[in-house]
Amino acid sequence: MQTSLPLVIAVIILAVSFDFINGFHDTANAIATTVSTKALPPKIAIGLAAIMNFIGALTFTGVAKTIGGDIADPAKLEFGVLVVMAALLAAILWNLITWWYGIPSSSSHALIGSLVGAVLASAGSAHINWAGFLKIFQALIMSPVIALVAAYLMMKLVYFIFSRIMIPPTKVNRGFRFFQIFTAALQSFTHGTNDAQKAMGIIVFALVAADLHADTSTIPFWVQFICALAMGLGTSVGGWKIIKTVGGKITKIEPINGATADLTSSSIIFTFTQLGLPVSSTHVISSGIMGVGAAKRLKSVNWGVAKRIVITWFITLPISALLAAATYLLLHVFI
């Protein structure tokens, strides 16, 4: 039952759907600052993000291997395909709920929390690779903290440099507005290198569980391609509610701090991608924006919105785990 081909196909469709939703859910992360400063018109910014997301998704596979094999061994799960289906359904549901309310939550937290919850419901805690999960959890927690501090320091450095150069602020901002086109492209590329790989990993997890693929150490190109395409198409739809939150409600974005936030956060995401560790682009970019805002003046950050975002960060893992566990139990009864 759990290894039937129709069930595997259904899981692949769900994983691609998750990537598509992740694309429009997280579009704001890459282009919110660029749109808010009018460095690019919204449609052009979204088009740029879609293309760079697609390219980034085809470039790396390390994160996919981590997701596919470091949380649990799919070959040892009796109902592994059903576990993946439950995890995807729960993650998609949480993504849609937070998107509807314009909350920049983490698709990464949702997927990882859901996978853990579904494995627990199916096979118990003994089948969770707690060392692997802890490694992923540490990356998810550390990356936004690093982004906050790095963006704060980088912004202070930028302010220091340009305070010593006798260039009118209007010309400085004009130059950084052009530079934002590059940072938006870089941000979208790094988003694709990390976020799209999570769906790749989950598909390979299901294929191994169904005895249709040897192991999680290799990612078939067709899996890479369909996930990259789904991410790019999802990005082209755009997440306007989240763009408003990230681009203007956290702090006032100007070209100089928008470009600095983008450059800092994209560097951090890419570093973790090179290490094969999944991070939340939502968390990293939102933290980067908080960091550059605090560098200008602590009061310039809307800490009420920031608090709401942080609370969502912390509740996503347990809520998605519970949703996935409940979904698995329902699927196990009816499928």
C-alpha atoms as a PDB file:
ATOM      1  CA  MET A   1       0.000   0.000   0.000  1.00  0.00           C
ATOM      2  CA  GLN A   2       2.506   2.586   1.151  1.00  0.00           C
ATOM      3  CA  THR A   3       4.896   1.740  -1.686  1.00  0.00           C
ATOM      4  CA  SER A   4       2.337   1.726  -4.507  1.00  0.00           C
ATOM      5  CA  LEU A   5       3.259   3.813  -7.545  1.00  0.00           C
ATOM      6  CA  PRO A   6       0.111   6.015  -7.408  1.00  0.00           C
ATOM      7  CA  LEU A   7       0.968   6.932  -3.805  1.00  0.00           C
ATOM      8  CA  VAL A   8       4.530   7.842  -4.771  1.00  0.00           C
ATOM      9  CA  ILE A   9       3.242   9.975  -7.667  1.00  0.00           C
ATOM     10  CA  ALA A  10       0.845  11.720  -5.270  1.00  0.00           C
ATOM     11  CA  VAL A  11       3.785  12.483  -2.948  1.00  0.00           C
ATOM     12  CA  ILE A  12       5.822  13.912  -5.835  1.00  0.00           C
ATOM     13  CA  ILE A  13       2.892  16.137  -6.831  1.00  0.00           C
ATOM     14  CA  LEU A  14       2.567  17.318  -3.227  1.00  0.00           C
ATOM     15  CA  ALA A  15       6.313  18.030  -3.005  1.00  0.00           C
ATOM     16  CA  VAL A  16       6.213  20.049  -6.221  1.00  0.00           C
ATOM     17  CA  SER A  17       3.145  21.880  -4.894  1.00  0.00           C
ATOM     18  CA  PHE A  18       5.047  22.638  -1.682  1.00  0.00           C
ATOM     19  CA  ASP A  19       7.901  24.076  -3.737  1.00  0.00           C
ATOM     20  CA  PHE A  20       5.457  26.178  -5.768  1.00  0.00           C
ATOM     21  CA  ILE A  21       3.834  27.516  -2.589  1.00  0.00           C
ATOM     22  CA  ASN A  22       7.277  28.068  -1.080  1.00  0.00           C
ATOM     23  CA  GLY A  23       8.094  30.132  -4.164  1.00  0.00           C
ATOM     24  CA  PHE A  24       5.231  32.597  -3.812  1.00  0.00           C
ATOM     25  CA  HIS A  25       5.326  32.443  -0.004  1.00  0.00           C
ATOM     26  CA  ASP A  26       9.000  33.433   0.064  1.00  0.00           C
ATOM     27  CA  THR A  27       9.145  35.755  -2.963  1.00  0.00           C
ATOM     28  CA  ALA A  28       8.980  38.675  -0.550  1.00  0.00           C
ATOM     29  CA  ASN A  29      12.211  37.612   1.087  1.00  0.00           C
ATOM     30  CA  ALA A  30      14.243  38.235  -2.037  1.00  0.00           C
ATOM     31  CA  ILE A  31      12.587  41.338  -3.454  1.00  0.00           C
ATOM     32  CA  ALA A  32      10.761  43.165  -0.646  1.00  0.00           C
ATOM     33  CA  THR A  33      13.508  45.723  -0.051  1.00  0.00           C
ATOM     34  CA  THR A  34      13.981  46.253  -3.790  1.00  0.00           C
ATOM     35  CA  VAL A  35      10.273  46.863  -4.342  1.00  0.00           C
ATOM     36  CA  SER A  36       9.889  49.101  -1.282  1.00  0.00           C
ATOM     37  CA  THR A  37      12.708  51.432  -2.418  1.00  0.00           C
ATOM     38  CA  LYS A  38      11.415  51.362  -6.024  1.00  0.00           C
ATOM     39  CA  ALA A  39      14.749  50.096  -7.281  1.00  0.00           C
ATOM     40  CA  LEU A  40      12.728  47.838  -9.571  1.00  0.00           C
ATOM     41  CA  PRO A  41       9.038  47.767 -10.539  1.00  0.00           C
ATOM     42  CA  PRO A  42       7.252  44.873  -8.793  1.00  0.00           C
ATOM     43  CA  LYS A  43       6.649  42.793 -11.933  1.00  0.00           C
ATOM     44  CA  ILE A  44      10.263  43.067 -13.085  1.00  0.00           C
ATOM     45  CA  ALA A  45      11.531  42.289  -9.572  1.00  0.00           C
ATOM     46  CA  ILE A  46       9.361  39.182  -9.401  1.00  0.00           C
ATOM     47  CA  GLY A  47      10.486  38.083 -12.870  1.00  0.00           C
ATOM     48  CA  LEU A  48      14.135  38.504 -11.863  1.00  0.00           C
ATOM     49  CA  ALA A  49      13.524  36.565  -8.651  1.00  0.00           C
ATOM     50  CA  ALA A  50      11.810  33.728 -10.537  1.00  0.00           C
ATOM     51  CA  ILE A  51      14.697  33.318 -12.998  1.00  0.00           C
ATOM     52  CA  MET A  52      17.402  33.470 -10.316  1.00  0.00           C
ATOM     53  CA  ASN A  53      15.466  31.089  -8.048  1.00  0.00           C
ATOM     54  CA  PHE A  54      15.314  28.571 -10.911  1.00  0.00           C
ATOM     55  CA  ILE A  55      19.049  28.870 -11.638  1.00  0.00           C
ATOM     56  CA  GLY A  56      19.965  28.620  -7.959  1.00  0.00           C
ATOM     57  CA  ALA A  57      17.817  25.526  -7.482  1.00  0.00           C
ATOM     58  CA  LEU A  58      19.692  23.679 -10.238  1.00  0.00           C
ATOM     59  CA  THR A  59      23.132  24.530  -8.882  1.00  0.00           C
ATOM     60  CA  PHE A  60      23.492  22.642  -5.576  1.00  0.00           C
ATOM     61  CA  THR A  61      22.254  19.418  -3.936  1.00  0.00           C
ATOM     62  CA  GLY A  62      23.919  19.340  -0.490  1.00  0.00           C
ATOM     63  CA  VAL A  63      20.879  20.583   1.398  1.00  0.00           C
ATOM     64  CA  ALA A  64      18.650  18.058  -0.408  1.00  0.00           C
ATOM     65  CA  LYS A  65      20.902  15.215   0.782  1.00  0.00           C
ATOM     66  CA  THR A  66      20.698  16.519   4.359  1.00  0.00           C
ATOM     67  CA  ILE A  67      16.895  16.692   4.310  1.00  0.00           C
ATOM     68  CA  GLY A  68      16.633  13.294   2.613  1.00  0.00           C
ATOM     69  CA  GLY A  69      18.816  11.363   5.024  1.00  0.00           C
ATOM     70  CA  ASP A  70      19.805  13.227   8.198  1.00  0.00           C
ATOM     71  CA  ILE A  71      16.437  13.344   9.991  1.00  0.00           C
ATOM     72  CA  ALA A  72      15.456   9.701   9.516  1.00  0.00           C
ATOM     73  CA  ASP A  73      16.477   6.734   7.385  1.00  0.00           C
ATOM     74  CA  PRO A  74      13.658   6.263   4.837  1.00  0.00           C
ATOM     75  CA  ALA A  75      14.775   2.701   4.085  1.00  0.00           C
ATOM     76  CA  LYS A  76      13.955   1.702   7.677  1.00  0.00           C
ATOM     77  CA  LEU A  77      10.434   3.157   7.789  1.00  0.00           C
ATOM     78  CA  GLU A  78       7.624   0.710   7.088  1.00  0.00           C
ATOM     79  CA  PHE A  79       5.265   3.484   5.983  1.00  0.00           C
ATOM     80  CA  GLY A  80       7.861   5.964   4.703  1.00  0.00           C
ATOM     81  CA  VAL A  81       5.859   7.228   1.721  1.00  0.00           C
ATOM     82  CA  LEU A  82       2.846   7.878   3.940  1.00  0.00           C
ATOM     83  CA  VAL A  83       5.146   9.745   6.356  1.00  0.00           C
ATOM     84  CA  VAL A  84       6.268  12.047   3.551  1.00  0.00           C
ATOM     85  CA  MET A  85       2.700  12.624   2.388  1.00  0.00           C
ATOM     86  CA  ALA A  86       1.602  13.618   5.896  1.00  0.00           C
ATOM     87  CA  ALA A  87       4.621  15.913   6.314  1.00  0.00           C
ATOM     88  CA  LEU A  88       3.949  17.683   3.026  1.00  0.00           C
ATOM     89  CA  LEU A  89       0.237  18.146   3.682  1.00  0.00           C
ATOM     90  CA  ALA A  90       0.945  19.640   7.112  1.00  0.00           C
ATOM     91  CA  ALA A  91       3.701  21.941   5.812  1.00  0.00           C
ATOM     92  CA  ILE A  92       1.545  23.158   2.924  1.00  0.00           C
ATOM     93  CA  LEU A  93      -1.362  23.851   5.291  1.00  0.00           C
ATOM     94  CA  TRP A  94       0.819  25.897   7.659  1.00  0.00           C
ATOM     95  CA  ASN A  95       2.382  27.799   4.756  1.00  0.00           C
ATOM     96  CA  LEU A  96      -1.043  28.739   3.414  1.00  0.00           C
ATOM     97  CA  ILE A  97      -2.305  29.828   6.838  1.00  0.00           C
ATOM     98  CA  THR A  98       0.685  32.099   7.459  1.00  0.00           C
ATOM     99  CA  TRP A  99       0.616  33.423   3.879  1.00  0.00           C
ATOM    100  CA  TRP A 100      -3.081  34.316   4.245  1.00  0.00           C
ATOM    101  CA  TYR A 101      -2.351  36.373   7.353  1.00  0.00           C
ATOM    102  CA  GLY A 102       0.775  37.939   5.832  1.00  0.00           C
ATOM    103  CA  ILE A 103       3.116  36.411   8.416  1.00  0.00           C
ATOM    104  CA  PRO A 104       6.635  35.683   7.110  1.00  0.00           C
ATOM    105  CA  SER A 105       6.932  32.262   8.723  1.00  0.00           C
ATOM    106  CA  SER A 106       9.461  29.639   7.740  1.00  0.00           C
ATOM    107  CA  SER A 107       8.718  27.022   5.088  1.00  0.00           C
ATOM    108  CA  SER A 108      11.877  25.260   6.256  1.00  0.00           C
ATOM    109  CA  HIS A 109      10.693  25.033   9.860  1.00  0.00           C
ATOM    110  CA  ALA A 110       7.300  23.842   8.639  1.00  0.00           C
ATOM    111  CA  LEU A 111       8.727  21.053   6.472  1.00  0.00           C
ATOM    112  CA  ILE A 112      11.320  19.853   8.983  1.00  0.00           C
ATOM    113  CA  GLY A 113       8.886  20.015  11.905  1.00  0.00           C
ATOM    114  CA  SER A 114       6.290  18.158   9.841  1.00  0.00           C
ATOM    115  CA  LEU A 115       8.731  15.420   8.841  1.00  0.00           C
ATOM    116  CA  VAL A 116       9.745  14.869  12.473  1.00  0.00           C
ATOM    117  CA  GLY A 117       6.108  14.812  13.609  1.00  0.00           C
ATOM    118  CA  ALA A 118       5.096  12.312  10.935  1.00  0.00           C
ATOM    119  CA  VAL A 119       8.042   9.986  11.689  1.00  0.00           C
ATOM    120  CA  LEU A 120       7.228  10.117  15.410  1.00  0.00           C
ATOM    121  CA  ALA A 121       3.592   9.212  14.743  1.00  0.00           C
ATOM    122  CA  SER A 122       4.582   6.409  12.392  1.00  0.00           C
ATOM    123  CA  ALA A 123       7.578   4.742  14.019  1.00  0.00           C
ATOM    124  CA  GLY A 124       8.380   6.484  17.304  1.00  0.00           C
ATOM    125  CA  SER A 125      11.359   8.487  18.524  1.00  0.00           C
ATOM    126  CA  ALA A 126      13.817   5.611  17.984  1.00  0.00           C
ATOM    127  CA  HIS A 127      13.618   6.218  14.217  1.00  0.00           C
ATOM    128  CA  ILE A 128      14.567   9.896  14.467  1.00  0.00           C
ATOM    129  CA  ASN A 129      18.232  10.630  13.876  1.00  0.00           C
ATOM    130  CA  TRP A 130      18.475  13.100  16.757  1.00  0.00           C
ATOM    131  CA  ALA A 131      22.085  14.030  15.980  1.00  0.00           C
ATOM    132  CA  GLY A 132      21.116  14.945  12.425  1.00  0.00           C
ATOM    133  CA  PHE A 133      18.018  16.785  13.582  1.00  0.00           C
ATOM    134  CA  LEU A 134      20.043  18.737  16.153  1.00  0.00           C
ATOM    135  CA  LYS A 135      22.528  19.775  13.456  1.00  0.00           C
ATOM    136  CA  ILE A 136      19.670  21.078  11.297  1.00  0.00           C
ATOM    137  CA  PHE A 137      17.944  22.723  14.271  1.00  0.00           C
ATOM    138  CA  GLN A 138      21.140  24.540  15.250  1.00  0.00           C
ATOM    139  CA  ALA A 139      21.510  25.886  11.709  1.00  0.00           C
ATOM    140  CA  LEU A 140      17.898  27.113  11.729  1.00  0.00           C
ATOM    141  CA  ILE A 141      18.369  28.867  15.092  1.00  0.00           C
ATOM    142  CA  MET A 142      21.882  30.226  14.580  1.00  0.00           C
ATOM    143  CA  SER A 143      21.441  31.631  11.063  1.00  0.00           C
ATOM    144  CA  PRO A 144      18.967  34.448  11.910  1.00  0.00           C
ATOM    145  CA  VAL A 145      21.024  35.453  14.971  1.00  0.00           C
ATOM    146  CA  ILE A 146      24.141  35.627  12.797  1.00  0.00           C
ATOM    147  CA  ALA A 147      22.165  37.616  10.210  1.00  0.00           C
ATOM    148  CA  LEU A 148      20.971  40.136  12.804  1.00  0.00           C
ATOM    149  CA  VAL A 149      24.452  40.757  14.189  1.00  0.00           C
ATOM    150  CA  ALA A 150      26.204  40.709  10.807  1.00  0.00           C
ATOM    151  CA  ALA A 151      23.706  43.106   9.217  1.00  0.00           C
ATOM    152  CA  TYR A 152      24.001  45.466  12.194  1.00  0.00           C
ATOM    153  CA  LEU A 153      27.802  45.521  11.974  1.00  0.00           C
ATOM    154  CA  MET A 154      27.827  45.766   8.184  1.00  0.00           C
ATOM    155  CA  MET A 155      25.393  48.682   8.277  1.00  0.00           C
ATOM    156  CA  LYS A 156      27.498  50.474  10.880  1.00  0.00           C
ATOM    157  CA  LEU A 157      30.553  49.994   8.643  1.00  0.00           C
ATOM    158  CA  VAL A 158      28.713  51.304   5.572  1.00  0.00           C
ATOM    159  CA  TYR A 159      27.487  54.347   7.515  1.00  0.00           C
ATOM    160  CA  PHE A 160      31.030  54.986   8.766  1.00  0.00           C
ATOM    161  CA  ILE A 161      32.542  54.775   5.277  1.00  0.00           C
ATOM    162  CA  PHE A 162      30.008  57.046   3.599  1.00  0.00           C
ATOM    163  CA  SER A 163      30.045  59.548   6.449  1.00  0.00           C
ATOM    164  CA  ARG A 164      33.705  60.131   5.553  1.00  0.00           C
ATOM    165  CA  ILE A 165      33.014  60.586   1.838  1.00  0.00           C
ATOM    166  CA  MET A 166      31.723  63.964   0.763  1.00  0.00           C
ATOM    167  CA  ILE A 167      28.898  62.677  -1.420  1.00  0.00           C
ATOM    168  CA  PRO A 168      25.344  64.025  -1.020  1.00  0.00           C
ATOM    169  CA  PRO A 169      22.960  61.471   0.550  1.00  0.00           C
ATOM    170  CA  THR A 170      20.699  61.621  -2.508  1.00  0.00           C
ATOM    171  CA  LYS A 171      23.557  60.461  -4.763  1.00  0.00           C
ATOM    172  CA  VAL A 172      24.524  57.734  -2.288  1.00  0.00           C
ATOM    173  CA  ASN A 173      20.971  56.396  -2.248  1.00  0.00           C
ATOM    174  CA  ARG A 174      20.750  56.617  -6.037  1.00  0.00           C
ATOM    175  CA  GLY A 175      23.879  54.501  -6.347  1.00  0.00           C
ATOM    176  CA  PHE A 176      22.625  51.945  -3.852  1.00  0.00           C
ATOM    177  CA  ARG A 177      19.282  51.802  -5.649  1.00  0.00           C
ATOM    178  CA  PHE A 178      21.097  50.528  -8.751  1.00  0.00           C
ATOM    179  CA  PHE A 179      23.168  48.186  -6.581  1.00  0.00           C
ATOM    180  CA  GLN A 180      19.931  46.718  -5.216  1.00  0.00           C
ATOM    181  CA  ILE A 181      19.230  45.149  -8.603  1.00  0.00           C
ATOM    182  CA  PHE A 182      22.356  43.035  -8.114  1.00  0.00           C
ATOM    183  CA  THR A 183      21.578  42.235  -4.458  1.00  0.00           C
ATOM    184  CA  ALA A 184      17.993  41.238  -5.342  1.00  0.00           C
ATOM    185  CA  ALA A 185      19.324  38.842  -7.990  1.00  0.00           C
ATOM    186  CA  LEU A 186      21.879  37.446  -5.540  1.00  0.00           C
ATOM    187  CA  GLN A 187      19.230  37.079  -2.843  1.00  0.00           C
ATOM    188  CA  SER A 188      16.936  35.165  -5.216  1.00  0.00           C
ATOM    189  CA  PHE A 189      19.784  32.931  -6.386  1.00  0.00           C
ATOM    190  CA  THR A 190      20.785  31.966  -2.840  1.00  0.00           C
ATOM    191  CA  HIS A 191      17.126  31.394  -1.935  1.00  0.00           C
ATOM    192  CA  GLY A 192      16.933  28.877  -4.764  1.00  0.00           C
ATOM    193  CA  THR A 193      20.175  27.166  -3.709  1.00  0.00           C
ATOM    194  CA  ASN A 194      18.750  26.421  -0.249  1.00  0.00           C
ATOM    195  CA  ASP A 195      14.949  26.417  -0.222  1.00  0.00           C
ATOM    196  CA  ALA A 196      14.231  24.487  -3.426  1.00  0.00           C
ATOM    197  CA  GLN A 197      16.489  21.662  -2.266  1.00  0.00           C
ATOM    198  CA  LYS A 198      14.195  20.838   0.643  1.00  0.00           C
ATOM    199  CA  ALA A 199      11.508  19.520  -1.688  1.00  0.00           C
ATOM    200  CA  MET A 200      14.178  17.628  -3.644  1.00  0.00           C
ATOM    201  CA  GLY A 201      15.279  15.941  -0.425  1.00  0.00           C
ATOM    202  CA  ILE A 202      11.738  15.012   0.552  1.00  0.00           C
ATOM    203  CA  ILE A 203      11.057  13.454  -2.879  1.00  0.00           C
ATOM    204  CA  VAL A 204      14.235  11.357  -2.662  1.00  0.00           C
ATOM    205  CA  PHE A 205      13.191  10.357   0.888  1.00  0.00           C
ATOM    206  CA  ALA A 206       9.920   9.008  -0.560  1.00  0.00           C
ATOM    207  CA  LEU A 207      11.657   7.278  -3.492  1.00  0.00           C
ATOM    208  CA  VAL A 208      14.066   5.465  -1.159  1.00  0.00           C
ATOM    209  CA  ALA A 209      11.210   4.494   1.174  1.00  0.00           C
ATOM    210  CA  ALA A 210       9.371   3.040  -1.832  1.00  0.00           C
ATOM    211  CA  ASP A 211      12.479   1.151  -3.047  1.00  0.00           C
ATOM    212  CA  LEU A 212      12.539   3.240  -6.237  1.00  0.00           C
ATOM    213  CA  HIS A 213      15.928   4.847  -5.565  1.00  0.00           C
ATOM    214  CA  ALA A 214      19.107   3.426  -4.043  1.00  0.00           C
ATOM    215  CA  ASP A 215      19.872   5.955  -1.301  1.00  0.00           C
ATOM    216  CA  THR A 216      19.704   9.624  -0.312  1.00  0.00           C
ATOM    217  CA  SER A 217      23.292  10.440  -1.340  1.00  0.00           C
ATOM    218  CA  THR A 218      22.354  11.180  -4.956  1.00  0.00           C
ATOM    219  CA  ILE A 219      19.626  13.461  -6.315  1.00  0.00           C
ATOM    220  CA  PRO A 220      18.253  12.548  -9.782  1.00  0.00           C
ATOM    221  CA  PHE A 221      18.377  15.436 -12.247  1.00  0.00           C
ATOM    222  CA  TRP A 222      14.658  15.146 -13.018  1.00  0.00           C
ATOM    223  CA  VAL A 223      13.953  15.770  -9.315  1.00  0.00           C
ATOM    224  CA  GLN A 224      16.191  18.842  -9.388  1.00  0.00           C
ATOM    225  CA  PHE A 225      14.526  20.158 -12.525  1.00  0.00           C
ATOM    226  CA  ILE A 226      10.883  19.813 -11.476  1.00  0.00           C
ATOM    227  CA  CYS A 227      11.605  21.359  -8.067  1.00  0.00           C
ATOM    228  CA  ALA A 228      13.542  24.226  -9.633  1.00  0.00           C
ATOM    229  CA  LEU A 229      10.732  24.815 -12.123  1.00  0.00           C
ATOM    230  CA  ALA A 230       8.071  24.741  -9.411  1.00  0.00           C
ATOM    231  CA  MET A 231      10.052  27.184  -7.269  1.00  0.00           C
ATOM    232  CA  GLY A 232      10.528  29.541 -10.212  1.00  0.00           C
ATOM    233  CA  LEU A 233       6.864  29.421 -11.232  1.00  0.00           C
ATOM    234  CA  GLY A 234       5.746  29.937  -7.635  1.00  0.00           C
ATOM    235  CA  THR A 235       8.045  32.918  -7.318  1.00  0.00           C
ATOM    236  CA  SER A 236       6.497  34.441 -10.448  1.00  0.00           C
ATOM    237  CA  VAL A 237       3.122  34.520  -8.679  1.00  0.00           C
ATOM    238  CA  GLY A 238       4.468  36.699  -5.861  1.00  0.00           C
ATOM    239  CA  GLY A 239       3.487  36.988  -2.213  1.00  0.00           C
ATOM    240  CA  TRP A 240       2.190  40.528  -1.912  1.00  0.00           C
ATOM    241  CA  LYS A 241       0.916  40.292   1.666  1.00  0.00           C
ATOM    242  CA  ILE A 242       4.322  39.209   2.943  1.00  0.00           C
ATOM    243  CA  ILE A 243       6.102  41.764   0.745  1.00  0.00           C
ATOM    244  CA  LYS A 244       4.228  44.489   2.624  1.00  0.00           C
ATOM    245  CA  THR A 245       5.325  43.081   5.998  1.00  0.00           C
ATOM    246  CA  VAL A 246       8.969  42.453   5.160  1.00  0.00           C
ATOM    247  CA  GLY A 247       9.425  45.503   2.947  1.00  0.00           C
ATOM    248  CA  GLY A 248       7.937  48.179   5.141  1.00  0.00           C
ATOM    249  CA  LYS A 249       6.473  47.114   8.469  1.00  0.00           C
ATOM    250  CA  ILE A 250       9.709  45.985  10.148  1.00  0.00           C
ATOM    251  CA  THR A 251      11.633  49.194   9.515  1.00  0.00           C
ATOM    252  CA  LYS A 252      11.790  51.986   6.953  1.00  0.00           C
ATOM    253  CA  ILE A 253      13.802  50.697   4.021  1.00  0.00           C
ATOM    254  CA  GLU A 254      16.124  52.993   2.079  1.00  0.00           C
ATOM    255  CA  PRO A 255      18.403  51.860  -0.764  1.00  0.00           C
ATOM    256  CA  ILE A 256      21.519  51.984   1.424  1.00  0.00           C
ATOM    257  CA  ASN A 257      20.139  49.729   4.162  1.00  0.00           C
ATOM    258  CA  GLY A 258      18.063  47.591   1.792  1.00  0.00           C
ATOM    259  CA  ALA A 259      21.122  46.682  -0.258  1.00  0.00           C
ATOM    260  CA  THR A 260      23.156  46.042   2.896  1.00  0.00           C
ATOM    261  CA  ALA A 261      20.454  43.763   4.335  1.00  0.00           C
ATOM    262  CA  ASP A 262      20.206  41.815   1.065  1.00  0.00           C
ATOM    263  CA  LEU A 263      23.961  41.419   0.658  1.00  0.00           C
ATOM    264  CA  THR A 264      24.448  40.274   4.249  1.00  0.00           C
ATOM    265  CA  SER A 265      21.585  37.790   4.332  1.00  0.00           C
ATOM    266  CA  SER A 266      22.343  36.304   0.902  1.00  0.00           C
ATOM    267  CA  SER A 267      25.970  35.738   1.987  1.00  0.00           C
ATOM    268  CA  ILE A 268      24.795  33.891   5.095  1.00  0.00           C
ATOM    269  CA  ILE A 269      22.283  31.740   3.193  1.00  0.00           C
ATOM    270  CA  PHE A 270      24.935  30.819   0.619  1.00  0.00           C
ATOM    271  CA  THR A 271      27.461  29.926   3.326  1.00  0.00           C
ATOM    272  CA  PHE A 272      25.006  27.504   4.946  1.00  0.00           C
ATOM    273  CA  THR A 273      24.135  26.076   1.520  1.00  0.00           C
ATOM    274  CA  GLN A 274      27.817  25.324   0.949  1.00  0.00           C
ATOM    275  CA  LEU A 275      27.822  23.492   4.281  1.00  0.00           C
ATOM    276  CA  GLY A 276      24.797  21.457   3.169  1.00  0.00           C
ATOM    277  CA  LEU A 277      22.623  22.905   5.939  1.00  0.00           C
ATOM    278  CA  PRO A 278      19.040  24.095   5.468  1.00  0.00           C
ATOM    279  CA  VAL A 279      18.193  27.551   6.782  1.00  0.00           C
ATOM    280  CA  SER A 280      15.087  29.660   6.694  1.00  0.00           C
ATOM    281  CA  SER A 281      15.494  32.424   4.143  1.00  0.00           C
ATOM    282  CA  THR A 282      12.510  34.120   5.814  1.00  0.00           C
ATOM    283  CA  HIS A 283      14.276  34.219   9.166  1.00  0.00           C
ATOM    284  CA  VAL A 284      17.641  35.237   7.777  1.00  0.00           C
ATOM    285  CA  ILE A 285      16.308  38.062   5.618  1.00  0.00           C
ATOM    286  CA  SER A 286      13.879  39.395   8.241  1.00  0.00           C
ATOM    287  CA  SER A 287      16.716  39.372  10.788  1.00  0.00           C
ATOM    288  CA  GLY A 288      18.974  41.166   8.333  1.00  0.00           C
ATOM    289  CA  ILE A 289      16.359  43.901   7.922  1.00  0.00           C
ATOM    290  CA  MET A 290      16.041  44.209  11.698  1.00  0.00           C
ATOM    291  CA  GLY A 291      19.823  44.460  11.959  1.00  0.00           C
ATOM    292  CA  VAL A 292      20.196  47.311   9.468  1.00  0.00           C
ATOM    293  CA  GLY A 293      17.237  49.118  11.040  1.00  0.00           C
ATOM    294  CA  ALA A 294      18.742  48.832  14.526  1.00  0.00           C
ATOM    295  CA  ALA A 295      22.090  50.125  13.197  1.00  0.00           C
ATOM    296  CA  LYS A 296      20.408  53.381  12.249  1.00  0.00           C
ATOM    297  CA  ARG A 297      18.399  53.696  15.453  1.00  0.00           C
ATOM    298  CA  LEU A 298      16.873  51.057  17.740  1.00  0.00           C
ATOM    299  CA  LYS A 299      13.565  52.900  17.724  1.00  0.00           C
ATOM    300  CA  SER A 300      13.433  52.777  13.928  1.00  0.00           C
ATOM    301  CA  VAL A 301      12.614  49.055  14.109  1.00  0.00           C
ATOM    302  CA  ASN A 302       8.975  48.170  14.643  1.00  0.00           C
ATOM    303  CA  TRP A 303       9.693  45.717  17.431  1.00  0.00           C
ATOM    304  CA  GLY A 304       5.998  44.833  17.699  1.00  0.00           C
ATOM    305  CA  VAL A 305       6.023  43.378  14.177  1.00  0.00           C
ATOM    306  CA  ALA A 306       9.447  41.863  14.857  1.00  0.00           C
ATOM    307  CA  LYS A 307       8.085  40.180  17.990  1.00  0.00           C
ATOM    308  CA  ARG A 308       5.152  38.755  16.031  1.00  0.00           C
ATOM    309  CA  ILE A 309       7.543  37.347  13.436  1.00  0.00           C
ATOM    310  CA  VAL A 310       9.835  35.819  16.069  1.00  0.00           C
ATOM    311  CA  ILE A 311       6.907  34.188  17.875  1.00  0.00           C
ATOM    312  CA  THR A 312       5.851  32.628  14.573  1.00  0.00           C
ATOM    313  CA  TRP A 313       9.392  31.327  14.110  1.00  0.00           C
ATOM    314  CA  PHE A 314       9.239  29.478  17.437  1.00  0.00           C
ATOM    315  CA  ILE A 315       5.736  28.057  17.130  1.00  0.00           C
ATOM    316  CA  THR A 316       6.122  26.767  13.557  1.00  0.00           C
ATOM    317  CA  LEU A 317       8.185  23.670  14.446  1.00  0.00           C
ATOM    318  CA  PRO A 318       5.887  22.279  17.166  1.00  0.00           C
ATOM    319  CA  ILE A 319       2.635  23.224  15.396  1.00  0.00           C
ATOM    320  CA  SER A 320       3.717  21.705  12.089  1.00  0.00           C
ATOM    321  CA  ALA A 321       4.915  18.566  13.927  1.00  0.00           C
ATOM    322  CA  LEU A 322       1.518  18.179  15.602  1.00  0.00           C
ATOM    323  CA  LEU A 323      -0.318  18.824  12.327  1.00  0.00           C
ATOM    324  CA  ALA A 324       1.810  16.202  10.567  1.00  0.00           C
ATOM    325  CA  ALA A 325       1.333  13.626  13.321  1.00  0.00           C
ATOM    326  CA  ALA A 326      -2.452  14.084  13.205  1.00  0.00           C
ATOM    327  CA  THR A 327      -2.419  13.976   9.386  1.00  0.00           C
ATOM    328  CA  TYR A 328      -0.370  10.773   9.375  1.00  0.00           C
ATOM    329  CA  LEU A 329      -2.772   9.062  11.767  1.00  0.00           C
ATOM    330  CA  LEU A 330      -5.720  10.045   9.557  1.00  0.00           C
ATOM    331  CA  LEU A 331      -3.993   8.886   6.381  1.00  0.00           C
ATOM    332  CA  HIS A 332      -2.998   5.604   8.001  1.00  0.00           C
ATOM    333  CA  VAL A 333      -6.676   4.905   8.758  1.00  0.00           C
ATOM    334  CA  PHE A 334      -8.092   5.863   5.359  1.00  0.00           C
ATOM    335  CA  ILE A 335      -5.350   4.891   2.875  1.00  0.00           C
END
